[in-house]
N, C-alpha and C. Protein backbone atom coordinates (compact mmCIF):
# COMPACT_ATOMS: atom_id res chain seq x y z
N MET A 1 0.81 -1.15 -0.01
CA MET A 1 0.02 0.01 0.00
C MET A 1 0.91 1.28 0.07
N THR A 2 0.62 2.17 -0.83
CA THR A 2 1.32 3.46 -0.86
C THR A 2 0.52 4.48 -0.19
N PHE A 3 1.21 5.40 0.53
CA PHE A 3 0.50 6.46 1.14
C PHE A 3 0.73 7.74 0.38
N GLU A 4 -0.27 8.55 0.25
CA GLU A 4 -0.11 9.81 -0.54
C GLU A 4 0.35 10.94 0.41
N SER A 5 1.29 11.73 -0.17
CA SER A 5 1.82 12.89 0.56
C SER A 5 1.29 14.19 -0.05
N LEU A 6 1.50 15.25 0.67
CA LEU A 6 1.13 16.62 0.25
C LEU A 6 2.36 17.45 0.08
N GLY A 7 2.50 18.07 -1.09
CA GLY A 7 3.64 18.97 -1.38
C GLY A 7 3.03 20.31 -1.53
N ILE A 8 3.81 21.31 -1.01
CA ILE A 8 3.35 22.71 -1.09
C ILE A 8 4.46 23.47 -1.67
N ILE A 9 4.25 24.24 -2.74
CA ILE A 9 5.21 25.05 -3.40
C ILE A 9 4.71 26.46 -3.49
N GLU A 10 5.48 27.53 -3.02
CA GLU A 10 5.14 28.85 -3.08
C GLU A 10 6.02 29.62 -4.03
N THR A 11 5.32 30.33 -4.93
CA THR A 11 6.12 31.21 -5.99
C THR A 11 5.77 32.62 -5.75
N SER A 12 6.61 33.45 -6.36
CA SER A 12 6.38 34.93 -6.16
C SER A 12 5.49 35.58 -7.17
N SER A 13 4.90 34.83 -8.19
CA SER A 13 4.02 35.45 -9.17
C SER A 13 3.17 34.41 -9.83
N VAL A 14 2.14 34.77 -10.48
CA VAL A 14 1.32 33.92 -11.21
C VAL A 14 2.05 33.24 -12.39
N SER A 15 2.81 34.07 -13.04
CA SER A 15 3.57 33.54 -14.23
C SER A 15 4.69 32.44 -13.71
N ALA A 16 5.23 32.68 -12.53
CA ALA A 16 6.14 31.71 -12.04
C ALA A 16 5.40 30.37 -11.64
N SER A 17 4.21 30.49 -11.12
CA SER A 17 3.44 29.28 -10.83
C SER A 17 3.12 28.49 -12.05
N LEU A 18 2.76 29.22 -13.14
CA LEU A 18 2.57 28.49 -14.40
C LEU A 18 3.78 27.78 -14.97
N LYS A 19 4.93 28.47 -14.81
CA LYS A 19 6.17 27.78 -15.24
C LYS A 19 6.40 26.50 -14.35
N THR A 20 6.10 26.61 -13.07
CA THR A 20 6.30 25.47 -12.18
C THR A 20 5.33 24.34 -12.53
N LEU A 21 4.11 24.73 -12.79
CA LEU A 21 3.07 23.76 -13.11
C LEU A 21 3.45 22.97 -14.43
N SER A 22 3.88 23.70 -15.44
CA SER A 22 4.28 23.08 -16.67
C SER A 22 5.38 22.06 -16.44
N GLY A 23 6.36 22.36 -15.55
CA GLY A 23 7.48 21.47 -15.31
C GLY A 23 7.07 20.31 -14.39
N ILE A 24 6.29 20.52 -13.40
CA ILE A 24 5.97 19.39 -12.53
C ILE A 24 4.85 18.51 -13.04
N ALA A 25 4.04 18.98 -14.06
CA ALA A 25 3.08 18.22 -14.64
C ALA A 25 3.65 17.07 -15.48
N LYS A 26 4.94 17.05 -15.80
CA LYS A 26 5.64 15.99 -16.50
C LYS A 26 5.84 14.80 -15.62
N GLU A 27 5.80 15.07 -14.28
CA GLU A 27 5.97 13.93 -13.30
C GLU A 27 4.58 13.22 -13.22
N LYS A 28 4.57 12.01 -13.69
CA LYS A 28 3.28 11.31 -13.85
C LYS A 28 2.62 10.73 -12.61
N GLU A 29 3.40 10.70 -11.57
CA GLU A 29 2.93 10.19 -10.30
C GLU A 29 2.31 11.09 -9.33
N ILE A 30 2.16 12.39 -9.72
CA ILE A 30 1.62 13.38 -8.83
C ILE A 30 0.30 14.00 -9.45
N GLU A 31 -0.42 14.59 -8.66
CA GLU A 31 -1.60 15.32 -9.15
C GLU A 31 -1.70 16.70 -8.40
N ILE A 32 -2.08 17.69 -9.26
CA ILE A 32 -2.16 19.09 -8.62
C ILE A 32 -3.59 19.15 -8.13
N VAL A 33 -3.68 19.43 -6.80
CA VAL A 33 -4.87 19.43 -6.09
C VAL A 33 -5.46 20.75 -5.70
N GLY A 34 -4.72 21.81 -5.85
CA GLY A 34 -5.23 23.09 -5.41
C GLY A 34 -4.21 24.21 -5.60
N LYS A 35 -4.72 25.46 -5.48
CA LYS A 35 -3.87 26.60 -5.48
C LYS A 35 -4.56 27.73 -4.74
N GLN A 36 -3.68 28.56 -4.17
CA GLN A 36 -4.25 29.75 -3.50
C GLN A 36 -3.40 30.92 -3.89
N ILE A 37 -4.12 31.99 -4.31
CA ILE A 37 -3.38 33.20 -4.71
C ILE A 37 -3.54 34.18 -3.53
N LEU A 38 -2.38 34.58 -3.04
CA LEU A 38 -2.26 35.41 -1.83
C LEU A 38 -2.02 36.82 -2.29
N GLY A 39 -1.89 37.79 -1.46
CA GLY A 39 -1.64 39.18 -1.80
C GLY A 39 -0.25 39.32 -2.32
N GLY A 40 -0.01 40.38 -3.09
CA GLY A 40 1.30 40.65 -3.63
C GLY A 40 1.71 39.74 -4.79
N GLY A 41 0.78 38.94 -5.32
CA GLY A 41 1.15 38.01 -6.32
C GLY A 41 1.60 36.58 -5.98
N ILE A 42 1.66 36.40 -4.72
CA ILE A 42 2.28 35.17 -4.24
C ILE A 42 1.28 34.08 -4.50
N VAL A 43 1.68 32.95 -5.07
CA VAL A 43 0.87 31.82 -5.44
C VAL A 43 1.35 30.51 -4.78
N THR A 44 0.43 29.86 -4.11
CA THR A 44 0.79 28.62 -3.42
C THR A 44 0.17 27.43 -4.11
N LEU A 45 0.91 26.41 -4.52
CA LEU A 45 0.46 25.29 -5.26
C LEU A 45 0.44 24.11 -4.30
N PHE A 46 -0.61 23.22 -4.38
CA PHE A 46 -0.71 21.95 -3.59
C PHE A 46 -0.70 20.85 -4.55
N ILE A 47 0.19 19.86 -4.29
CA ILE A 47 0.29 18.67 -5.13
C ILE A 47 0.20 17.42 -4.23
N LYS A 48 -0.33 16.32 -4.76
CA LYS A 48 -0.30 15.10 -4.00
C LYS A 48 0.25 13.98 -4.78
N GLY A 49 0.68 12.98 -4.10
CA GLY A 49 1.16 11.79 -4.78
C GLY A 49 2.16 11.06 -3.84
N GLU A 50 2.92 10.18 -4.58
CA GLU A 50 3.92 9.38 -3.79
C GLU A 50 5.02 10.33 -3.36
N LEU A 51 5.56 10.04 -2.26
CA LEU A 51 6.62 10.95 -1.57
C LEU A 51 7.82 11.22 -2.53
N GLY A 52 8.33 10.19 -3.10
CA GLY A 52 9.51 10.40 -4.00
C GLY A 52 9.15 11.26 -5.22
N ALA A 53 8.00 11.09 -5.70
CA ALA A 53 7.57 11.83 -6.88
C ALA A 53 7.41 13.30 -6.55
N ILE A 54 6.88 13.60 -5.34
CA ILE A 54 6.71 15.00 -4.78
C ILE A 54 8.01 15.63 -4.63
N LYS A 55 8.99 14.87 -4.15
CA LYS A 55 10.37 15.38 -3.93
C LYS A 55 10.94 15.79 -5.22
N ARG A 56 10.80 14.97 -6.30
CA ARG A 56 11.35 15.21 -7.60
C ARG A 56 10.71 16.43 -8.14
N ALA A 57 9.42 16.55 -8.03
CA ALA A 57 8.68 17.69 -8.67
C ALA A 57 9.06 19.03 -8.08
N ILE A 58 9.14 18.98 -6.77
CA ILE A 58 9.52 20.21 -5.97
C ILE A 58 10.89 20.55 -6.35
N SER A 59 11.83 19.57 -6.40
CA SER A 59 13.22 19.86 -6.77
C SER A 59 13.28 20.50 -8.13
N PHE A 60 12.58 19.95 -9.14
CA PHE A 60 12.53 20.51 -10.43
C PHE A 60 12.01 21.91 -10.48
N GLY A 61 10.97 22.12 -9.73
CA GLY A 61 10.38 23.46 -9.69
C GLY A 61 11.25 24.50 -9.04
N LYS A 62 11.90 24.11 -8.04
CA LYS A 62 12.89 24.94 -7.29
C LYS A 62 14.06 25.34 -8.22
N GLU A 63 14.66 24.33 -8.92
CA GLU A 63 15.78 24.54 -9.77
C GLU A 63 15.31 25.49 -10.95
N ASN A 64 14.15 25.39 -11.46
CA ASN A 64 13.62 26.09 -12.62
C ASN A 64 13.45 27.54 -12.24
N LEU A 65 13.02 27.80 -10.90
CA LEU A 65 12.66 29.15 -10.53
C LEU A 65 13.76 29.82 -9.80
N ASP A 66 14.73 29.20 -9.24
CA ASP A 66 15.81 29.76 -8.36
C ASP A 66 16.57 30.80 -9.18
N SER A 67 16.92 30.53 -10.48
CA SER A 67 17.74 31.39 -11.27
C SER A 67 17.03 32.64 -11.51
N LYS A 68 15.74 32.78 -11.40
CA LYS A 68 15.00 34.00 -11.62
C LYS A 68 14.49 34.60 -10.33
N ASN A 69 14.89 34.08 -9.20
CA ASN A 69 14.39 34.57 -7.89
C ASN A 69 12.89 34.47 -7.71
N GLU A 70 12.18 33.58 -8.38
CA GLU A 70 10.72 33.53 -8.31
C GLU A 70 10.28 32.39 -7.32
N PHE A 71 11.12 31.58 -6.82
CA PHE A 71 10.80 30.52 -5.85
C PHE A 71 10.91 31.15 -4.49
N ARG A 72 9.79 30.89 -3.67
CA ARG A 72 9.78 31.41 -2.31
C ARG A 72 10.04 30.32 -1.31
N SER A 73 9.27 29.25 -1.32
CA SER A 73 9.45 28.20 -0.36
C SER A 73 8.75 26.90 -0.77
N SER A 74 9.04 25.81 -0.13
CA SER A 74 8.32 24.54 -0.27
C SER A 74 8.32 23.71 0.96
N HIS A 75 7.33 22.87 1.00
CA HIS A 75 7.25 21.97 2.19
C HIS A 75 6.56 20.68 1.73
N ILE A 76 7.00 19.57 2.33
CA ILE A 76 6.32 18.30 2.12
C ILE A 76 5.85 17.70 3.40
N ILE A 77 4.63 17.26 3.32
CA ILE A 77 3.95 16.57 4.54
C ILE A 77 3.77 15.11 4.14
N PRO A 78 4.59 14.22 4.69
CA PRO A 78 4.51 12.83 4.24
C PRO A 78 3.15 12.14 4.44
N LEU A 79 2.59 12.33 5.58
CA LEU A 79 1.24 11.70 5.77
C LEU A 79 0.26 12.77 6.46
N PRO A 80 -0.32 13.57 5.65
CA PRO A 80 -1.12 14.68 6.25
C PRO A 80 -2.38 14.19 6.88
N HIS A 81 -2.71 14.78 8.01
CA HIS A 81 -3.85 14.39 8.72
C HIS A 81 -5.11 14.94 8.08
N GLN A 82 -6.28 14.22 8.13
CA GLN A 82 -7.51 14.71 7.60
C GLN A 82 -7.91 16.14 7.96
N GLN A 83 -7.71 16.46 9.23
CA GLN A 83 -8.12 17.78 9.69
C GLN A 83 -7.29 18.90 9.01
N LEU A 84 -5.98 18.61 8.79
CA LEU A 84 -5.12 19.48 8.09
C LEU A 84 -5.64 19.85 6.70
N LEU A 85 -5.98 18.71 6.04
CA LEU A 85 -6.48 18.89 4.64
C LEU A 85 -7.80 19.78 4.63
N LEU A 86 -8.67 19.52 5.56
CA LEU A 86 -9.89 20.27 5.64
C LEU A 86 -9.61 21.87 5.86
N LYS A 87 -8.52 22.16 6.57
CA LYS A 87 -8.15 23.60 6.71
C LYS A 87 -7.81 24.22 5.44
N PHE A 88 -7.23 23.43 4.52
CA PHE A 88 -6.89 23.92 3.17
C PHE A 88 -8.04 23.86 2.21
N GLY A 89 -9.14 23.31 2.68
CA GLY A 89 -10.28 23.11 1.79
C GLY A 89 -10.19 21.96 0.84
N MET A 90 -9.47 20.95 1.25
CA MET A 90 -9.26 19.76 0.51
C MET A 90 -9.89 18.57 1.24
N GLU A 91 -10.29 17.56 0.41
CA GLU A 91 -10.86 16.34 0.95
C GLU A 91 -9.71 15.41 1.21
N LYS A 92 -9.94 14.25 1.71
CA LYS A 92 -8.83 13.23 2.04
C LYS A 92 -8.15 12.88 0.77
N LEU A 93 -6.86 12.75 0.87
CA LEU A 93 -5.93 12.42 -0.31
C LEU A 93 -6.23 10.98 -0.72
């Protein structure tokens, strides 16, 4: 049985989030489950999938955006609790 993890990527603009999405969409073992647009153009992307696939996708996104200073932060939650997902407006993974 594989457990799904939650990956969070924060970018500094909408265009940076689109670049990130186009890159991480190539990783077949993940699914993009949500986004939040915050003030000042900051965009947070939420992805789910196998832990290794999320690590690869976030690494790719970070490398792609670091050279342009558009990457802000990332975080991986290996086994997110149901209540945490509800706080983000998501159902169980």
